[in-house]
Amino acid sequence: FDASDLQVISTMVQDAISPVADVSWRSHERRFVLLLNRFRWEIPQSDV
């Protein structure tokens, strides 16, 4: 709900990939949605 919270989300989606076909602008809902394949930055570096 604020810029500092958004920075956390930004960190979690860095290097995420999405086919452009999985990006949706739902104007009637006023919602913009991306289906991402996000890298799991939250797991330790030594893991897979």
ModelCIF file with pLDDT and N, C-alpha, C, O atoms, coordinates in Angstrom:
data_MODEL
#
_entry.id   MODEL 
#
_entity.id                         1 
_entity.type                       polymer 
_entity.pdbx_number_of_molecules   1 
#
_entity_poly.entity_id                      1 
_entity_poly.type                           'polypeptide(L)' 
_entity_poly.nstd_linkage                   no 
_entity_poly.nstd_monomer                   no 
_entity_poly.pdbx_seq_one_letter_code       FDASDLQVISTMVQDAISPVADVSWRSHERRFVLLLNRFRWEIPQSDV 
_entity_poly.pdbx_seq_one_letter_code_can   FDASDLQVISTMVQDAISPVADVSWRSHERRFVLLLNRFRWEIPQSDV 
_entity_poly.pdbx_strand_id                 A 
#
loop_
_entity_poly_seq.entity_id 
_entity_poly_seq.num 
_entity_poly_seq.mon_id 
_entity_poly_seq.hetero 
1 1  PHE n 
1 2  ASP n 
1 3  ALA n 
1 4  SER n 
1 5  ASP n 
1 6  LEU n 
1 7  GLN n 
1 8  VAL n 
1 9  ILE n 
1 10 SER n 
1 11 THR n 
1 12 MET n 
1 13 VAL n 
1 14 GLN n 
1 15 ASP n 
1 16 ALA n 
1 17 ILE n 
1 18 SER n 
1 19 PRO n 
1 20 VAL n 
1 21 ALA n 
1 22 ASP n 
1 23 VAL n 
1 24 SER n 
1 25 TRP n 
1 26 ARG n 
1 27 SER n 
1 28 HIS n 
1 29 GLU n 
1 30 ARG n 
1 31 ARG n 
1 32 PHE n 
1 33 VAL n 
1 34 LEU n 
1 35 LEU n 
1 36 LEU n 
1 37 ASN n 
1 38 ARG n 
1 39 PHE n 
1 40 ARG n 
1 41 TRP n 
1 42 GLU n 
1 43 ILE n 
1 44 PRO n 
1 45 GLN n 
1 46 SER n 
1 47 ASP n 
1 48 VAL n 
#
_struct_asym.id          A 
_struct_asym.entity_id   1 
#
loop_
_ma_qa_metric.id 
_ma_qa_metric.mode 
_ma_qa_metric.name 
_ma_qa_metric.software_group_id 
_ma_qa_metric.type 
1 global pLDDT . pLDDT 
2 local  pLDDT . pLDDT 
#
_ma_qa_metric_global.metric_id      1 
_ma_qa_metric_global.metric_value   91.48 
_ma_qa_metric_global.model_id       1 
_ma_qa_metric_global.ordinal_id     1 
#
loop_
_ma_qa_metric_local.label_asym_id 
_ma_qa_metric_local.label_comp_id 
_ma_qa_metric_local.label_seq_id 
_ma_qa_metric_local.metric_id 
_ma_qa_metric_local.metric_value 
_ma_qa_metric_local.model_id 
_ma_qa_metric_local.ordinal_id 
A PHE 1  2 94.00 1 1  
A ASP 2  2 92.00 1 2  
A ALA 3  2 92.00 1 3  
A SER 4  2 94.00 1 4  
A ASP 5  2 94.00 1 5  
A LEU 6  2 96.00 1 6  
A GLN 7  2 96.00 1 7  
A VAL 8  2 95.00 1 8  
A ILE 9  2 96.00 1 9  
A SER 10 2 96.00 1 10 
A THR 11 2 94.00 1 11 
A MET 12 2 94.00 1 12 
A VAL 13 2 95.00 1 13 
A GLN 14 2 94.00 1 14 
A ASP 15 2 93.00 1 15 
A ALA 16 2 95.00 1 16 
A ILE 17 2 94.00 1 17 
A SER 18 2 94.00 1 18 
A PRO 19 2 94.00 1 19 
A VAL 20 2 94.00 1 20 
A ALA 21 2 92.00 1 21 
A ASP 22 2 93.00 1 22 
A VAL 23 2 93.00 1 23 
A SER 24 2 94.00 1 24 
A TRP 25 2 93.00 1 25 
A ARG 26 2 93.00 1 26 
A SER 27 2 92.00 1 27 
A HIS 28 2 94.00 1 28 
A GLU 29 2 95.00 1 29 
A ARG 30 2 96.00 1 30 
A ARG 31 2 97.00 1 31 
A PHE 32 2 97.00 1 32 
A VAL 33 2 97.00 1 33 
A LEU 34 2 96.00 1 34 
A LEU 35 2 96.00 1 35 
A LEU 36 2 95.00 1 36 
A ASN 37 2 95.00 1 37 
A ARG 38 2 95.00 1 38 
A PHE 39 2 92.00 1 39 
A ARG 40 2 92.00 1 40 
A TRP 41 2 88.00 1 41 
A GLU 42 2 88.00 1 42 
A ILE 43 2 83.00 1 43 
A PRO 44 2 76.00 1 44 
A GLN 45 2 72.00 1 45 
A SER 46 2 65.00 1 46 
A ASP 47 2 68.00 1 47 
A VAL 48 2 78.00 1 48 
#
loop_
_atom_site.group_PDB 
_atom_site.id 
_atom_site.type_symbol 
_atom_site.label_atom_id 
_atom_site.label_alt_id 
_atom_site.label_comp_id 
_atom_site.label_asym_id 
_atom_site.label_entity_id 
_atom_site.label_seq_id 
_atom_site.pdbx_PDB_ins_code 
_atom_site.Cartn_x 
_atom_site.Cartn_y 
_atom_site.Cartn_z 
_atom_site.occupancy 
_atom_site.B_iso_or_equiv 
_atom_site.pdbx_formal_charge 
_atom_site.auth_seq_id 
_atom_site.auth_comp_id 
_atom_site.auth_asym_id 
_atom_site.auth_atom_id 
_atom_site.pdbx_PDB_model_num 
ATOM 1   N N  . PHE A 1 1  ? 0.820   -1.204  0.000   1.00 94.00 ? 1  PHE A N  1 
ATOM 2   C CA . PHE A 1 1  ? 0.000   0.000   0.000   1.00 94.00 ? 1  PHE A CA 1 
ATOM 3   C C  . PHE A 1 1  ? 0.858   1.259   0.000   1.00 94.00 ? 1  PHE A C  1 
ATOM 4   O O  . PHE A 1 1  ? 0.327   2.369   -0.061  1.00 94.00 ? 1  PHE A O  1 
ATOM 5   N N  . ASP A 1 2  ? 2.190   1.098   0.069   1.00 92.00 ? 2  ASP A N  1 
ATOM 6   C CA . ASP A 1 2  ? 3.080   2.254   -0.002  1.00 92.00 ? 2  ASP A CA 1 
ATOM 7   C C  . ASP A 1 2  ? 4.362   1.838   -0.722  1.00 92.00 ? 2  ASP A C  1 
ATOM 8   O O  . ASP A 1 2  ? 4.577   0.658   -1.002  1.00 92.00 ? 2  ASP A O  1 
ATOM 9   N N  . ALA A 1 3  ? 5.198   2.813   -1.011  1.00 92.00 ? 3  ALA A N  1 
ATOM 10  C CA . ALA A 1 3  ? 6.400   2.575   -1.813  1.00 92.00 ? 3  ALA A CA 1 
ATOM 11  C C  . ALA A 1 3  ? 7.374   1.613   -1.145  1.00 92.00 ? 3  ALA A C  1 
ATOM 12  O O  . ALA A 1 3  ? 8.020   0.825   -1.834  1.00 92.00 ? 3  ALA A O  1 
ATOM 13  N N  . SER A 1 4  ? 7.495   1.657   0.180   1.00 94.00 ? 4  SER A N  1 
ATOM 14  C CA . SER A 1 4  ? 8.433   0.747   0.845   1.00 94.00 ? 4  SER A CA 1 
ATOM 15  C C  . SER A 1 4  ? 7.920   -0.687  0.782   1.00 94.00 ? 4  SER A C  1 
ATOM 16  O O  . SER A 1 4  ? 8.714   -1.614  0.617   1.00 94.00 ? 4  SER A O  1 
ATOM 17  N N  . ASP A 1 5  ? 6.609   -0.891  0.911   1.00 94.00 ? 5  ASP A N  1 
ATOM 18  C CA . ASP A 1 5  ? 6.036   -2.231  0.730   1.00 94.00 ? 5  ASP A CA 1 
ATOM 19  C C  . ASP A 1 5  ? 6.257   -2.711  -0.708  1.00 94.00 ? 5  ASP A C  1 
ATOM 20  O O  . ASP A 1 5  ? 6.573   -3.879  -0.935  1.00 94.00 ? 5  ASP A O  1 
ATOM 21  N N  . LEU A 1 6  ? 6.091   -1.818  -1.662  1.00 96.00 ? 6  LEU A N  1 
ATOM 22  C CA . LEU A 1 6  ? 6.260   -2.179  -3.069  1.00 96.00 ? 6  LEU A CA 1 
ATOM 23  C C  . LEU A 1 6  ? 7.693   -2.611  -3.358  1.00 96.00 ? 6  LEU A C  1 
ATOM 24  O O  . LEU A 1 6  ? 7.921   -3.467  -4.213  1.00 96.00 ? 6  LEU A O  1 
ATOM 25  N N  . GLN A 1 7  ? 8.658   -2.031  -2.656  1.00 96.00 ? 7  GLN A N  1 
ATOM 26  C CA . GLN A 1 7  ? 10.056  -2.413  -2.850  1.00 96.00 ? 7  GLN A CA 1 
ATOM 27  C C  . GLN A 1 7  ? 10.278  -3.881  -2.492  1.00 96.00 ? 7  GLN A C  1 
ATOM 28  O O  . GLN A 1 7  ? 11.076  -4.561  -3.137  1.00 96.00 ? 7  GLN A O  1 
ATOM 29  N N  . VAL A 1 8  ? 9.581   -4.371  -1.474  1.00 95.00 ? 8  VAL A N  1 
ATOM 30  C CA . VAL A 1 8  ? 9.686   -5.783  -1.089  1.00 95.00 ? 8  VAL A CA 1 
ATOM 31  C C  . VAL A 1 8  ? 9.150   -6.664  -2.226  1.00 95.00 ? 8  VAL A C  1 
ATOM 32  O O  . VAL A 1 8  ? 9.788   -7.644  -2.610  1.00 95.00 ? 8  VAL A O  1 
ATOM 33  N N  . ILE A 1 9  ? 7.991   -6.313  -2.751  1.00 96.00 ? 9  ILE A N  1 
ATOM 34  C CA . ILE A 1 9  ? 7.426   -7.073  -3.875  1.00 96.00 ? 9  ILE A CA 1 
ATOM 35  C C  . ILE A 1 9  ? 8.358   -7.000  -5.074  1.00 96.00 ? 9  ILE A C  1 
ATOM 36  O O  . ILE A 1 9  ? 8.579   -8.007  -5.747  1.00 96.00 ? 9  ILE A O  1 
ATOM 37  N N  . SER A 1 10 ? 8.901   -5.834  -5.346  1.00 96.00 ? 10 SER A N  1 
ATOM 38  C CA . SER A 1 10 ? 9.825   -5.674  -6.467  1.00 96.00 ? 10 SER A CA 1 
ATOM 39  C C  . SER A 1 10 ? 11.014  -6.623  -6.341  1.00 96.00 ? 10 SER A C  1 
ATOM 40  O O  . SER A 1 10 ? 11.443  -7.220  -7.328  1.00 96.00 ? 10 SER A O  1 
ATOM 41  N N  . THR A 1 11 ? 11.540  -6.761  -5.134  1.00 94.00 ? 11 THR A N  1 
ATOM 42  C CA . THR A 1 11 ? 12.660  -7.661  -4.900  1.00 94.00 ? 11 THR A CA 1 
ATOM 43  C C  . THR A 1 11 ? 12.260  -9.110  -5.182  1.00 94.00 ? 11 THR A C  1 
ATOM 44  O O  . THR A 1 11 ? 13.047  -9.875  -5.739  1.00 94.00 ? 11 THR A O  1 
ATOM 45  N N  . MET A 1 12 ? 11.048  -9.481  -4.801  1.00 94.00 ? 12 MET A N  1 
ATOM 46  C CA . MET A 1 12 ? 10.597  -10.855 -4.976  1.00 94.00 ? 12 MET A CA 1 
ATOM 47  C C  . MET A 1 12 ? 10.284  -11.204 -6.435  1.00 94.00 ? 12 MET A C  1 
ATOM 48  O O  . MET A 1 12 ? 10.299  -12.379 -6.803  1.00 94.00 ? 12 MET A O  1 
ATOM 49  N N  . VAL A 1 13 ? 10.002  -10.198 -7.267  1.00 95.00 ? 13 VAL A N  1 
ATOM 50  C CA . VAL A 1 13 ? 9.697   -10.480 -8.680  1.00 95.00 ? 13 VAL A CA 1 
ATOM 51  C C  . VAL A 1 13 ? 10.860  -10.157 -9.609  1.00 95.00 ? 13 VAL A C  1 
ATOM 52  O O  . VAL A 1 13 ? 10.739  -10.318 -10.823 1.00 95.00 ? 13 VAL A O  1 
ATOM 53  N N  . GLN A 1 14 ? 11.986  -9.705  -9.060  1.00 94.00 ? 14 GLN A N  1 
ATOM 54  C CA . GLN A 1 14 ? 13.145  -9.454  -9.921  1.00 94.00 ? 14 GLN A CA 1 
ATOM 55  C C  . GLN A 1 14 ? 13.506  -10.755 -10.626 1.00 94.00 ? 14 GLN A C  1 
ATOM 56  O O  . GLN A 1 14 ? 13.589  -11.810 -9.998  1.00 94.00 ? 14 GLN A O  1 
ATOM 57  N N  . ASP A 1 15 ? 13.719  -10.671 -11.919 1.00 93.00 ? 15 ASP A N  1 
ATOM 58  C CA . ASP A 1 15 ? 14.071  -11.803 -12.777 1.00 93.00 ? 15 ASP A CA 1 
ATOM 59  C C  . ASP A 1 15 ? 12.894  -12.736 -13.052 1.00 93.00 ? 15 ASP A C  1 
ATOM 60  O O  . ASP A 1 15 ? 13.094  -13.823 -13.594 1.00 93.00 ? 15 ASP A O  1 
ATOM 61  N N  . ALA A 1 16 ? 11.687  -12.342 -12.696 1.00 95.00 ? 16 ALA A N  1 
ATOM 62  C CA . ALA A 1 16 ? 10.512  -13.128 -13.074 1.00 95.00 ? 16 ALA A CA 1 
ATOM 63  C C  . ALA A 1 16 ? 10.310  -13.005 -14.576 1.00 95.00 ? 16 ALA A C  1 
ATOM 64  O O  . ALA A 1 16 ? 10.641  -11.981 -15.174 1.00 95.00 ? 16 ALA A O  1 
ATOM 65  N N  . ILE A 1 17 ? 9.767   -14.049 -15.180 1.00 94.00 ? 17 ILE A N  1 
ATOM 66  C CA . ILE A 1 17 ? 9.478   -14.017 -16.606 1.00 94.00 ? 17 ILE A CA 1 
ATOM 67  C C  . ILE A 1 17 ? 7.997   -14.281 -16.821 1.00 94.00 ? 17 ILE A C  1 
ATOM 68  O O  . ILE A 1 17 ? 7.345   -14.974 -16.039 1.00 94.00 ? 17 ILE A O  1 
ATOM 69  N N  . SER A 1 18 ? 7.486   -13.707 -17.903 1.00 94.00 ? 18 SER A N  1 
ATOM 70  C CA . SER A 1 18 ? 6.072   -13.870 -18.227 1.00 94.00 ? 18 SER A CA 1 
ATOM 71  C C  . SER A 1 18 ? 5.873   -13.777 -19.730 1.00 94.00 ? 18 SER A C  1 
ATOM 72  O O  . SER A 1 18 ? 6.320   -12.812 -20.351 1.00 94.00 ? 18 SER A O  1 
ATOM 73  N N  . PRO A 1 19 ? 5.217   -14.753 -20.321 1.00 94.00 ? 19 PRO A N  1 
ATOM 74  C CA . PRO A 1 19 ? 4.827   -14.579 -21.714 1.00 94.00 ? 19 PRO A CA 1 
ATOM 75  C C  . PRO A 1 19 ? 3.879   -13.391 -21.805 1.00 94.00 ? 19 PRO A C  1 
ATOM 76  O O  . PRO A 1 19 ? 3.033   -13.210 -20.929 1.00 94.00 ? 19 PRO A O  1 
ATOM 77  N N  . VAL A 1 20 ? 4.005   -12.590 -22.840 1.00 94.00 ? 20 VAL A N  1 
ATOM 78  C CA . VAL A 1 20 ? 3.144   -11.422 -22.982 1.00 94.00 ? 20 VAL A CA 1 
ATOM 79  C C  . VAL A 1 20 ? 1.665   -11.839 -23.036 1.00 94.00 ? 20 VAL A C  1 
ATOM 80  O O  . VAL A 1 20 ? 0.782   -11.052 -22.695 1.00 94.00 ? 20 VAL A O  1 
ATOM 81  N N  . ALA A 1 21 ? 1.406   -13.075 -23.466 1.00 92.00 ? 21 ALA A N  1 
ATOM 82  C CA . ALA A 1 21 ? 0.029   -13.581 -23.497 1.00 92.00 ? 21 ALA A CA 1 
ATOM 83  C C  . ALA A 1 21 ? -0.556  -13.733 -22.094 1.00 92.00 ? 21 ALA A C  1 
ATOM 84  O O  . ALA A 1 21 ? -1.776  -13.798 -21.942 1.00 92.00 ? 21 ALA A O  1 
ATOM 85  N N  . ASP A 1 22 ? 0.299   -13.791 -21.059 1.00 93.00 ? 22 ASP A N  1 
ATOM 86  C CA . ASP A 1 22 ? -0.163  -13.922 -19.677 1.00 93.00 ? 22 ASP A CA 1 
ATOM 87  C C  . ASP A 1 22 ? -0.234  -12.583 -18.953 1.00 93.00 ? 22 ASP A C  1 
ATOM 88  O O  . ASP A 1 22 ? -0.272  -12.539 -17.724 1.00 93.00 ? 22 ASP A O  1 
ATOM 89  N N  . VAL A 1 23 ? -0.251  -11.499 -19.710 1.00 93.00 ? 23 VAL A N  1 
ATOM 90  C CA . VAL A 1 23 ? -0.412  -10.151 -19.161 1.00 93.00 ? 23 VAL A CA 1 
ATOM 91  C C  . VAL A 1 23 ? -1.807  -9.674  -19.536 1.00 93.00 ? 23 VAL A C  1 
ATOM 92  O O  . VAL A 1 23 ? -2.200  -9.743  -20.700 1.00 93.00 ? 23 VAL A O  1 
ATOM 93  N N  . SER A 1 24 ? -2.548  -9.193  -18.554 1.00 94.00 ? 24 SER A N  1 
ATOM 94  C CA . SER A 1 24 ? -3.953  -8.851  -18.797 1.00 94.00 ? 24 SER A CA 1 
ATOM 95  C C  . SER A 1 24 ? -4.321  -7.498  -18.189 1.00 94.00 ? 24 SER A C  1 
ATOM 96  O O  . SER A 1 24 ? -4.077  -7.245  -17.009 1.00 94.00 ? 24 SER A O  1 
ATOM 97  N N  . TRP A 1 25 ? -4.912  -6.634  -19.015 1.00 93.00 ? 25 TRP A N  1 
ATOM 98  C CA . TRP A 1 25 ? -5.454  -5.343  -18.553 1.00 93.00 ? 25 TRP A CA 1 
ATOM 99  C C  . TRP A 1 25 ? -6.965  -5.512  -18.520 1.00 93.00 ? 25 TRP A C  1 
ATOM 100 O O  . TRP A 1 25 ? -7.609  -5.580  -19.567 1.00 93.00 ? 25 TRP A O  1 
ATOM 101 N N  . ARG A 1 26 ? -7.520  -5.579  -17.344 1.00 93.00 ? 26 ARG A N  1 
ATOM 102 C CA . ARG A 1 26 ? -8.965  -5.749  -17.151 1.00 93.00 ? 26 ARG A CA 1 
ATOM 103 C C  . ARG A 1 26 ? -9.552  -4.385  -16.817 1.00 93.00 ? 26 ARG A C  1 
ATOM 104 O O  . ARG A 1 26 ? -9.772  -4.052  -15.652 1.00 93.00 ? 26 ARG A O  1 
ATOM 105 N N  . SER A 1 27 ? -9.799  -3.611  -17.854 1.00 92.00 ? 27 SER A N  1 
ATOM 106 C CA . SER A 1 27 ? -10.203 -2.210  -17.653 1.00 92.00 ? 27 SER A CA 1 
ATOM 107 C C  . SER A 1 27 ? -11.506 -2.091  -16.863 1.00 92.00 ? 27 SER A C  1 
ATOM 108 O O  . SER A 1 27 ? -11.646 -1.186  -16.040 1.00 92.00 ? 27 SER A O  1 
ATOM 109 N N  . HIS A 1 28 ? -12.452 -2.986  -17.101 1.00 94.00 ? 28 HIS A N  1 
ATOM 110 C CA . HIS A 1 28 ? -13.729 -2.919  -16.377 1.00 94.00 ? 28 HIS A CA 1 
ATOM 111 C C  . HIS A 1 28 ? -13.565 -3.204  -14.880 1.00 94.00 ? 28 HIS A C  1 
ATOM 112 O O  . HIS A 1 28 ? -14.398 -2.791  -14.074 1.00 94.00 ? 28 HIS A O  1 
ATOM 113 N N  . GLU A 1 29 ? -12.483 -3.914  -14.507 1.00 95.00 ? 29 GLU A N  1 
ATOM 114 C CA . GLU A 1 29 ? -12.181 -4.176  -13.099 1.00 95.00 ? 29 GLU A CA 1 
ATOM 115 C C  . GLU A 1 29 ? -11.129 -3.208  -12.551 1.00 95.00 ? 29 GLU A C  1 
ATOM 116 O O  . GLU A 1 29 ? -10.840 -3.200  -11.354 1.00 95.00 ? 29 GLU A O  1 
ATOM 117 N N  . ARG A 1 30 ? -10.561 -2.392  -13.447 1.00 96.00 ? 30 ARG A N  1 
ATOM 118 C CA . ARG A 1 30 ? -9.469  -1.475  -13.095 1.00 96.00 ? 30 ARG A CA 1 
ATOM 119 C C  . ARG A 1 30 ? -8.295  -2.255  -12.496 1.00 96.00 ? 30 ARG A C  1 
ATOM 120 O O  . ARG A 1 30 ? -7.709  -1.851  -11.491 1.00 96.00 ? 30 ARG A O  1 
ATOM 121 N N  . ARG A 1 31 ? -7.970  -3.373  -13.132 1.00 97.00 ? 31 ARG A N  1 
ATOM 122 C CA . ARG A 1 31 ? -6.926  -4.268  -12.627 1.00 97.00 ? 31 ARG A CA 1 
ATOM 123 C C  . ARG A 1 31 ? -5.984  -4.640  -13.769 1.00 97.00 ? 31 ARG A C  1 
ATOM 124 O O  . ARG A 1 31 ? -6.416  -4.925  -14.886 1.00 97.00 ? 31 ARG A O  1 
ATOM 125 N N  . PHE A 1 32 ? -4.682  -4.631  -13.457 1.00 97.00 ? 32 PHE A N  1 
ATOM 126 C CA . PHE A 1 32 ? -3.651  -5.067  -14.392 1.00 97.00 ? 32 PHE A CA 1 
ATOM 127 C C  . PHE A 1 32 ? -2.958  -6.259  -13.748 1.00 97.00 ? 32 PHE A C  1 
ATOM 128 O O  . PHE A 1 32 ? -2.474  -6.165  -12.621 1.00 97.00 ? 32 PHE A O  1 
ATOM 129 N N  . VAL A 1 33 ? -2.909  -7.392  -14.469 1.00 97.00 ? 33 VAL A N  1 
ATOM 130 C CA . VAL A 1 33 ? -2.444  -8.641  -13.887 1.00 97.00 ? 33 VAL A CA 1 
ATOM 131 C C  . VAL A 1 33 ? -1.376  -9.280  -14.769 1.00 97.00 ? 33 VAL A C  1 
ATOM 132 O O  . VAL A 1 33 ? -1.486  -9.287  -15.995 1.00 97.00 ? 33 VAL A O  1 
ATOM 133 N N  . LEU A 1 34 ? -0.345  -9.816  -14.127 1.00 96.00 ? 34 LEU A N  1 
ATOM 134 C CA . LEU A 1 34 ? 0.680   -10.603 -14.811 1.00 96.00 ? 34 LEU A CA 1 
ATOM 135 C C  . LEU A 1 34 ? 0.776   -11.965 -14.129 1.00 96.00 ? 34 LEU A C  1 
ATOM 136 O O  . LEU A 1 34 ? 0.853   -12.052 -12.903 1.00 96.00 ? 34 LEU A O  1 
ATOM 137 N N  . LEU A 1 35 ? 0.771   -13.027 -14.935 1.00 96.00 ? 35 LEU A N  1 
ATOM 138 C CA . LEU A 1 35 ? 1.063   -14.357 -14.430 1.00 96.00 ? 35 LEU A CA 1 
ATOM 139 C C  . LEU A 1 35 ? 2.548   -14.574 -14.663 1.00 96.00 ? 35 LEU A C  1 
ATOM 140 O O  . LEU A 1 35 ? 3.010   -14.617 -15.803 1.00 96.00 ? 35 LEU A O  1 
ATOM 141 N N  . LEU A 1 36 ? 3.289   -14.710 -13.573 1.00 95.00 ? 36 LEU A N  1 
ATOM 142 C CA . LEU A 1 36 ? 4.750   -14.745 -13.624 1.00 95.00 ? 36 LEU A CA 1 
ATOM 143 C C  . LEU A 1 36 ? 5.301   -16.123 -13.283 1.00 95.00 ? 36 LEU A C  1 
ATOM 144 O O  . LEU A 1 36 ? 4.677   -16.898 -12.558 1.00 95.00 ? 36 LEU A O  1 
ATOM 145 N N  . ASN A 1 37 ? 6.454   -16.404 -13.808 1.00 95.00 ? 37 ASN A N  1 
ATOM 146 C CA . ASN A 1 37 ? 7.289   -17.497 -13.335 1.00 95.00 ? 37 ASN A CA 1 
ATOM 147 C C  . ASN A 1 37 ? 8.411   -16.803 -12.568 1.00 95.00 ? 37 ASN A C  1 
ATOM 148 O O  . ASN A 1 37 ? 9.408   -16.375 -13.150 1.00 95.00 ? 37 ASN A O  1 
ATOM 149 N N  . ARG A 1 38 ? 8.231   -16.699 -11.251 1.00 95.00 ? 38 ARG A N  1 
ATOM 150 C CA . ARG A 1 38 ? 9.166   -15.908 -10.465 1.00 95.00 ? 38 ARG A CA 1 
ATOM 151 C C  . ARG A 1 38 ? 10.232  -16.783 -9.835  1.00 95.00 ? 38 ARG A C  1 
ATOM 152 O O  . ARG A 1 38 ? 9.970   -17.907 -9.406  1.00 95.00 ? 38 ARG A O  1 
ATOM 153 N N  . PHE A 1 39 ? 11.442  -16.239 -9.790  1.00 92.00 ? 39 PHE A N  1 
ATOM 154 C CA . PHE A 1 39 ? 12.533  -16.921 -9.110  1.00 92.00 ? 39 PHE A CA 1 
ATOM 155 C C  . PHE A 1 39 ? 12.294  -16.804 -7.612  1.00 92.00 ? 39 PHE A C  1 
ATOM 156 O O  . PHE A 1 39 ? 11.900  -15.740 -7.136  1.00 92.00 ? 39 PHE A O  1 
ATOM 157 N N  . ARG A 1 40 ? 12.520  -17.861 -6.872  1.00 92.00 ? 40 ARG A N  1 
ATOM 158 C CA . ARG A 1 40 ? 12.271  -17.868 -5.424  1.00 92.00 ? 40 ARG A CA 1 
ATOM 159 C C  . ARG A 1 40 ? 13.499  -17.338 -4.679  1.00 92.00 ? 40 ARG A C  1 
ATOM 160 O O  . ARG A 1 40 ? 14.326  -18.106 -4.188  1.00 92.00 ? 40 ARG A O  1 
ATOM 161 N N  . TRP A 1 41 ? 13.598  -16.009 -4.607  1.00 88.00 ? 41 TRP A N  1 
ATOM 162 C CA . TRP A 1 41 ? 14.718  -15.374 -3.915  1.00 88.00 ? 41 TRP A CA 1 
ATOM 163 C C  . TRP A 1 41 ? 14.703  -15.663 -2.422  1.00 88.00 ? 41 TRP A C  1 
ATOM 164 O O  . TRP A 1 41 ? 15.730  -15.512 -1.761  1.00 88.00 ? 41 TRP A O  1 
ATOM 165 N N  . GLU A 1 42 ? 13.571  -16.073 -1.877  1.00 88.00 ? 42 GLU A N  1 
ATOM 166 C CA . GLU A 1 42 ? 13.461  -16.269 -0.436  1.00 88.00 ? 42 GLU A CA 1 
ATOM 167 C C  . GLU A 1 42 ? 14.129  -17.548 0.060   1.00 88.00 ? 42 GLU A C  1 
ATOM 168 O O  . GLU A 1 42 ? 14.274  -17.725 1.270   1.00 88.00 ? 42 GLU A O  1 
ATOM 169 N N  . ILE A 1 43 ? 14.541  -18.445 -0.838  1.00 83.00 ? 43 ILE A N  1 
ATOM 170 C CA . ILE A 1 43 ? 15.228  -19.654 -0.379  1.00 83.00 ? 43 ILE A CA 1 
ATOM 171 C C  . ILE A 1 43 ? 16.734  -19.396 -0.354  1.00 83.00 ? 43 ILE A C  1 
ATOM 172 O O  . ILE A 1 43 ? 17.242  -18.636 -1.178  1.00 83.00 ? 43 ILE A O  1 
ATOM 173 N N  . PRO A 1 44 ? 17.451  -20.016 0.577   1.00 76.00 ? 44 PRO A N  1 
ATOM 174 C CA . PRO A 1 44 ? 18.896  -19.754 0.707   1.00 76.00 ? 44 PRO A CA 1 
ATOM 175 C C  . PRO A 1 44 ? 19.666  -20.089 -0.566  1.00 76.00 ? 44 PRO A C  1 
ATOM 176 O O  . PRO A 1 44 ? 19.265  -20.967 -1.331  1.00 76.00 ? 44 PRO A O  1 
ATOM 177 N N  . GLN A 1 45 ? 20.765  -19.390 -0.785  1.00 72.00 ? 45 GLN A N  1 
ATOM 178 C CA . GLN A 1 45 ? 21.574  -19.553 -1.991  1.00 72.00 ? 45 GLN A CA 1 
ATOM 179 C C  . GLN A 1 45 ? 22.113  -20.961 -2.163  1.00 72.00 ? 45 GLN A C  1 
ATOM 180 O O  . GLN A 1 45 ? 22.340  -21.386 -3.296  1.00 72.00 ? 45 GLN A O  1 
ATOM 181 N N  . SER A 1 46 ? 22.322  -21.692 -1.096  1.00 65.00 ? 46 SER A N  1 
ATOM 182 C CA . SER A 1 46 ? 22.907  -23.021 -1.209  1.00 65.00 ? 46 SER A CA 1 
ATOM 183 C C  . SER A 1 46 ? 21.922  -24.054 -1.736  1.00 65.00 ? 46 SER A C  1 
ATOM 184 O O  . SER A 1 46 ? 22.331  -25.132 -2.166  1.00 65.00 ? 46 SER A O  1 
ATOM 185 N N  . ASP A 1 47 ? 20.625  -23.740 -1.710  1.00 68.00 ? 47 ASP A N  1 
ATOM 186 C CA . ASP A 1 47 ? 19.609  -24.674 -2.178  1.00 68.00 ? 47 ASP A CA 1 
ATOM 187 C C  . ASP A 1 47 ? 19.493  -24.651 -3.699  1.00 68.00 ? 47 ASP A C  1 
ATOM 188 O O  . ASP A 1 47 ? 20.109  -23.830 -4.378  1.00 68.00 ? 47 ASP A O  1 
ATOM 189 N N  . VAL A 1 48 ? 18.692  -25.567 -4.206  1.00 78.00 ? 48 VAL A N  1 
ATOM 190 C CA . VAL A 1 48 ? 18.445  -25.673 -5.635  1.00 78.00 ? 48 VAL A CA 1 
ATOM 191 C C  . VAL A 1 48 ? 17.745  -24.400 -6.134  1.00 78.00 ? 48 VAL A C  1 
ATOM 192 O O  . VAL A 1 48 ? 17.445  -24.286 -7.323  1.00 78.00 ? 48 VAL A O  1 
#
